Structure formats: structure tokens, C-alpha cells
Amino acid sequence: MTINVRPIAAQDEAVWRDLFLAYGVFYETAFTEPQISTVWAWLMDPNHPTKAWVAELDDTVVGFAHMRTHSDTFTGGPAWFLDDLYTAPAARGHGAGTAIITALRTFADAHGGGTISWITAADNTTAQSVYQKLARRQSWVTYEMGS
């Protein structure tokens, strides 16, 4: 089985939509059509700070990641935030998540370096077992204020 990670392309829309909806279900979130269309438009806009990649397992798209850049006030340089990472359940355990994060690191390094940060649910121990091999867990506490 071969894993390939590449930037998302227009022809990925249907499979990305299916995966993005499944990602929402995983996190108990029902995305609306306007939300999905807005995010897709961001991903297709080369000037938008949010970029996306897909993972292919034997030429079939099985996962995606969304990452955006921002300025890091602690270093005075660039930083990156991995907003979303999802792999289809049938493809888990084949290294797609690791391959995606490795590709994101390569992209960040080619675009000024900086840290890549992300969050995951406290009970998502499967993902955490992958993340522990690739990054250092932080002790920051996250807060969220809705509108």
C-alpha cells in the first residue's frame, strides 16, 4: 500500500465533502451546506491563508488536512495551525495521518519554518498515539467563546 500526500485540487471536491462531513460526525458536529461551501471556497482560493492537502492510499483519497499560517509573537516569525486532520476509518493504521503531518512539516519548512500546533479532543486517544510520535504535547488549556 502506497500513501501519497498532495495539495488538494478541484477534482477532489466530492470526496473531500464526504470526508469533511464524516469528520463533522466524528466530532458530533453537523456542518451545513453553506459552511461546507465556504470552506471549500477558501481551499480553492490561492490567496486564502487556509490550505489543504489530501492523502491517497493506493490512488484513493482517504484523508485530508487543513492548515493556516499566522504570525508567532513569541518568535517574531511564522507559525502554523493545523485546524483539521481526518482519515477515513477503513484507512486508519496505514500511516496516512503520519504522512499528512510530515508533508505539512515539509510545506511549513519551505515557507519560512515555524511551529505547527494543533488540538484534538481529550478522548481521541487513537489520534494522540500518532501525535505523541511526531510532536510534543503541550500543557496549554484551550478556551472557546462563541458568538
C-alpha atoms as a PDB file:
ATOM      1  CA  MET A   1       0.000   0.000   0.000  1.00  0.00           C
ATOM      2  CA  THR A   2       1.349   3.370  -1.046  1.00  0.00           C
ATOM      3  CA  ILE A   3       0.458   6.652   0.670  1.00  0.00           C
ATOM      4  CA  ASN A   4       0.787   9.884  -1.256  1.00  0.00           C
ATOM      5  CA  VAL A   5       0.069  13.347   0.159  1.00  0.00           C
ATOM      6  CA  ARG A   6      -0.579  16.228  -2.193  1.00  0.00           C
ATOM      7  CA  PRO A   7      -2.256  19.647  -2.198  1.00  0.00           C
ATOM      8  CA  ILE A   8      -5.994  19.461  -2.645  1.00  0.00           C
ATOM      9  CA  ALA A   9      -7.300  20.068  -6.172  1.00  0.00           C
ATOM     10  CA  ALA A  10     -10.655  20.995  -7.687  1.00  0.00           C
ATOM     11  CA  GLN A  11     -11.326  17.392  -8.725  1.00  0.00           C
ATOM     12  CA  ASP A  12     -11.222  16.366  -5.027  1.00  0.00           C
ATOM     13  CA  GLU A  13     -14.374  18.285  -4.121  1.00  0.00           C
ATOM     14  CA  ALA A  14     -16.816  15.352  -3.923  1.00  0.00           C
ATOM     15  CA  VAL A  15     -14.549  13.089  -1.879  1.00  0.00           C
ATOM     16  CA  TRP A  16     -13.435  15.998   0.325  1.00  0.00           C
ATOM     17  CA  ARG A  17     -17.085  16.862   1.033  1.00  0.00           C
ATOM     18  CA  ASP A  18     -17.784  13.256   2.054  1.00  0.00           C
ATOM     19  CA  LEU A  19     -14.709  13.137   4.292  1.00  0.00           C
ATOM     20  CA  PHE A  20     -15.421  16.574   5.777  1.00  0.00           C
ATOM     21  CA  LEU A  21     -18.974  15.522   6.649  1.00  0.00           C
ATOM     22  CA  ALA A  22     -17.619  12.326   8.244  1.00  0.00           C
ATOM     23  CA  TYR A  23     -15.139  14.445  10.199  1.00  0.00           C
ATOM     24  CA  GLY A  24     -18.050  16.525  11.490  1.00  0.00           C
ATOM     25  CA  VAL A  25     -19.908  13.371  12.530  1.00  0.00           C
ATOM     26  CA  PHE A  26     -16.778  12.140  14.331  1.00  0.00           C
ATOM     27  CA  TYR A  27     -16.745  15.356  16.372  1.00  0.00           C
ATOM     28  CA  GLU A  28     -20.542  15.409  16.740  1.00  0.00           C
ATOM     29  CA  THR A  29     -20.903  18.478  14.519  1.00  0.00           C
ATOM     30  CA  ALA A  30     -23.427  18.806  11.716  1.00  0.00           C
ATOM     31  CA  PHE A  31     -21.922  21.055   9.055  1.00  0.00           C
ATOM     32  CA  THR A  32     -24.435  22.975   6.947  1.00  0.00           C
ATOM     33  CA  GLU A  33     -24.196  23.286   3.180  1.00  0.00           C
ATOM     34  CA  PRO A  34     -23.244  26.989   3.438  1.00  0.00           C
ATOM     35  CA  GLN A  35     -20.425  26.118   5.881  1.00  0.00           C
ATOM     36  CA  ILE A  36     -19.101  23.365   3.628  1.00  0.00           C
ATOM     37  CA  SER A  37     -19.261  25.571   0.533  1.00  0.00           C
ATOM     38  CA  THR A  38     -17.496  28.408   2.358  1.00  0.00           C
ATOM     39  CA  VAL A  39     -14.646  26.167   3.492  1.00  0.00           C
ATOM     40  CA  TRP A  40     -14.331  24.667   0.009  1.00  0.00           C
ATOM     41  CA  ALA A  41     -14.117  28.180  -1.474  1.00  0.00           C
ATOM     42  CA  TRP A  42     -11.331  29.025   0.993  1.00  0.00           C
ATOM     43  CA  LEU A  43      -9.421  25.910  -0.017  1.00  0.00           C
ATOM     44  CA  MET A  44      -9.684  26.786  -3.702  1.00  0.00           C
ATOM     45  CA  ASP A  45      -8.620  30.431  -3.181  1.00  0.00           C
ATOM     46  CA  PRO A  46      -4.821  30.640  -3.537  1.00  0.00           C
ATOM     47  CA  ASN A  47      -4.846  33.898  -1.543  1.00  0.00           C
ATOM     48  CA  HIS A  48      -6.677  32.464   1.474  1.00  0.00           C
ATOM     49  CA  PRO A  49      -4.409  31.559   4.421  1.00  0.00           C
ATOM     50  CA  THR A  50      -6.082  28.151   4.868  1.00  0.00           C
ATOM     51  CA  LYS A  51      -4.528  25.468   2.692  1.00  0.00           C
ATOM     52  CA  ALA A  52      -5.463  21.815   2.316  1.00  0.00           C
ATOM     53  CA  TRP A  53      -3.836  18.512   1.488  1.00  0.00           C
ATOM     54  CA  VAL A  54      -5.248  15.092   0.777  1.00  0.00           C
ATOM     55  CA  ALA A  55      -3.817  11.680   1.499  1.00  0.00           C
ATOM     56  CA  GLU A  56      -4.198   8.971  -1.093  1.00  0.00           C
ATOM     57  CA  LEU A  57      -3.881   5.295  -0.293  1.00  0.00           C
ATOM     58  CA  ASP A  58      -3.279   3.370  -3.492  1.00  0.00           C
ATOM     59  CA  ASP A  59      -4.598   6.325  -5.536  1.00  0.00           C
ATOM     60  CA  THR A  60      -7.815   6.687  -3.485  1.00  0.00           C
ATOM     61  CA  VAL A  61      -8.272   9.828  -1.365  1.00  0.00           C
ATOM     62  CA  VAL A  62      -8.679   8.648   2.235  1.00  0.00           C
ATOM     63  CA  GLY A  63      -7.920  11.733   4.302  1.00  0.00           C
ATOM     64  CA  PHE A  64      -7.343  15.460   4.422  1.00  0.00           C
ATOM     65  CA  ALA A  65      -5.768  18.219   6.464  1.00  0.00           C
ATOM     66  CA  HIS A  66      -6.405  21.966   6.650  1.00  0.00           C
ATOM     67  CA  MET A  67      -3.600  24.223   7.859  1.00  0.00           C
ATOM     68  CA  ARG A  68      -3.231  28.001   8.029  1.00  0.00           C
ATOM     69  CA  THR A  69      -0.390  30.369   8.700  1.00  0.00           C
ATOM     70  CA  HIS A  70      -0.219  33.124  11.286  1.00  0.00           C
ATOM     71  CA  SER A  71       2.433  35.296  12.889  1.00  0.00           C
ATOM     72  CA  ASP A  72       4.055  33.994  16.071  1.00  0.00           C
ATOM     73  CA  THR A  73       4.506  36.767  18.644  1.00  0.00           C
ATOM     74  CA  PHE A  74       6.778  34.547  20.765  1.00  0.00           C
ATOM     75  CA  THR A  75       9.348  34.143  17.991  1.00  0.00           C
ATOM     76  CA  GLY A  76       8.661  37.053  15.642  1.00  0.00           C
ATOM     77  CA  GLY A  77       8.338  34.559  12.805  1.00  0.00           C
ATOM     78  CA  PRO A  78       5.803  32.395  11.055  1.00  0.00           C
ATOM     79  CA  ALA A  79       3.716  29.711  12.709  1.00  0.00           C
ATOM     80  CA  TRP A  80       1.091  27.281  11.503  1.00  0.00           C
ATOM     81  CA  PHE A  81      -2.124  25.897  12.898  1.00  0.00           C
ATOM     82  CA  LEU A  82      -3.402  22.515  11.810  1.00  0.00           C
ATOM     83  CA  ASP A  83      -7.146  23.088  12.003  1.00  0.00           C
ATOM     84  CA  ASP A  84      -8.424  19.725  10.813  1.00  0.00           C
ATOM     85  CA  LEU A  85      -6.983  16.282  10.144  1.00  0.00           C
ATOM     86  CA  TYR A  86      -9.159  13.328   9.237  1.00  0.00           C
ATOM     87  CA  THR A  87      -8.570   9.863   7.860  1.00  0.00           C
ATOM     88  CA  ALA A  88     -11.389   7.541   6.823  1.00  0.00           C
ATOM     89  CA  PRO A  89     -11.835   4.725   9.362  1.00  0.00           C
ATOM     90  CA  ALA A  90     -11.041   2.000   6.803  1.00  0.00           C
ATOM     91  CA  ALA A  91      -7.689   3.655   6.057  1.00  0.00           C
ATOM     92  CA  ARG A  92      -6.524   4.127   9.643  1.00  0.00           C
ATOM     93  CA  GLY A  93      -3.433   2.294  10.746  1.00  0.00           C
ATOM     94  CA  HIS A  94      -1.733   2.593   7.351  1.00  0.00           C
ATOM     95  CA  GLY A  95       0.276   5.735   8.145  1.00  0.00           C
ATOM     96  CA  ALA A  96      -1.866   8.317   6.364  1.00  0.00           C
ATOM     97  CA  GLY A  97      -2.044  10.648   9.382  1.00  0.00           C
ATOM     98  CA  THR A  98       1.718  10.490   9.874  1.00  0.00           C
ATOM     99  CA  ALA A  99       2.282  11.077   6.157  1.00  0.00           C
ATOM    100  CA  ILE A 100      -0.007  14.116   6.185  1.00  0.00           C
ATOM    101  CA  ILE A 101       1.710  15.708   9.192  1.00  0.00           C
ATOM    102  CA  THR A 102       5.130  15.004   7.661  1.00  0.00           C
ATOM    103  CA  ALA A 103       4.019  16.709   4.422  1.00  0.00           C
ATOM    104  CA  LEU A 104       2.731  19.698   6.405  1.00  0.00           C
ATOM    105  CA  ARG A 105       6.100  19.997   8.160  1.00  0.00           C
ATOM    106  CA  THR A 106       7.853  19.942   4.779  1.00  0.00           C
ATOM    107  CA  PHE A 107       5.484  22.629   3.455  1.00  0.00           C
ATOM    108  CA  ALA A 108       5.957  24.826   6.536  1.00  0.00           C
ATOM    109  CA  ASP A 109       9.746  24.490   6.308  1.00  0.00           C
ATOM    110  CA  ALA A 110       9.648  25.503   2.631  1.00  0.00           C
ATOM    111  CA  HIS A 111       7.559  28.561   3.564  1.00  0.00           C
ATOM    112  CA  GLY A 112       9.589  30.075   6.377  1.00  0.00           C
ATOM    113  CA  GLY A 113       9.552  27.361   9.039  1.00  0.00           C
ATOM    114  CA  GLY A 114       7.961  27.887  12.410  1.00  0.00           C
ATOM    115  CA  THR A 115       5.960  25.705  14.722  1.00  0.00           C
ATOM    116  CA  ILE A 116       2.911  23.701  13.764  1.00  0.00           C
ATOM    117  CA  SER A 117       0.303  23.473  16.527  1.00  0.00           C
ATOM    118  CA  TRP A 118      -2.992  21.637  16.759  1.00  0.00           C
ATOM    119  CA  ILE A 119      -5.602  20.449  19.192  1.00  0.00           C
ATOM    120  CA  THR A 120      -7.557  17.246  19.484  1.00  0.00           C
ATOM    121  CA  ALA A 121     -10.315  16.009  21.725  1.00  0.00           C
ATOM    122  CA  ALA A 122      -9.144  14.723  25.103  1.00  0.00           C
ATOM    123  CA  ASP A 123     -10.787  11.354  24.413  1.00  0.00           C
ATOM    124  CA  ASN A 124      -9.290  10.928  20.928  1.00  0.00           C
ATOM    125  CA  THR A 125      -6.599   8.571  22.170  1.00  0.00           C
ATOM    126  CA  THR A 126      -6.124   6.922  18.775  1.00  0.00           C
ATOM    127  CA  ALA A 127      -5.014  10.202  17.212  1.00  0.00           C
ATOM    128  CA  GLN A 128      -2.973  11.085  20.287  1.00  0.00           C
ATOM    129  CA  SER A 129      -0.966   7.874  19.941  1.00  0.00           C
ATOM    130  CA  VAL A 130       0.097   9.064  16.473  1.00  0.00           C
ATOM    131  CA  TYR A 131       0.723  12.650  17.594  1.00  0.00           C
ATOM    132  CA  GLN A 132       2.926  11.558  20.518  1.00  0.00           C
ATOM    133  CA  LYS A 133       5.376  10.084  17.991  1.00  0.00           C
ATOM    134  CA  LEU A 134       5.560  13.278  15.949  1.00  0.00           C
ATOM    135  CA  ALA A 135       5.258  16.213  18.338  1.00  0.00           C
ATOM    136  CA  ARG A 136       5.473  17.307  21.952  1.00  0.00           C
ATOM    137  CA  ARG A 137       2.257  17.528  23.930  1.00  0.00           C
ATOM    138  CA  GLN A 138       1.727  20.968  25.454  1.00  0.00           C
ATOM    139  CA  SER A 139       0.119  21.865  28.762  1.00  0.00           C
ATOM    140  CA  TRP A 140      -1.849  24.861  27.475  1.00  0.00           C
ATOM    141  CA  VAL A 141      -5.528  25.000  28.317  1.00  0.00           C
ATOM    142  CA  THR A 142      -7.884  25.933  25.486  1.00  0.00           C
ATOM    143  CA  TYR A 143     -10.854  28.268  25.884  1.00  0.00           C
ATOM    144  CA  GLU A 144     -13.521  28.995  23.325  1.00  0.00           C
ATOM    145  CA  MET A 145     -16.006  31.860  23.205  1.00  0.00           C
ATOM    146  CA  GLY A 146     -18.929  31.532  20.814  1.00  0.00           C
ATOM    147  CA  SER A 147     -20.748  34.405  19.197  1.00  0.00           C
END
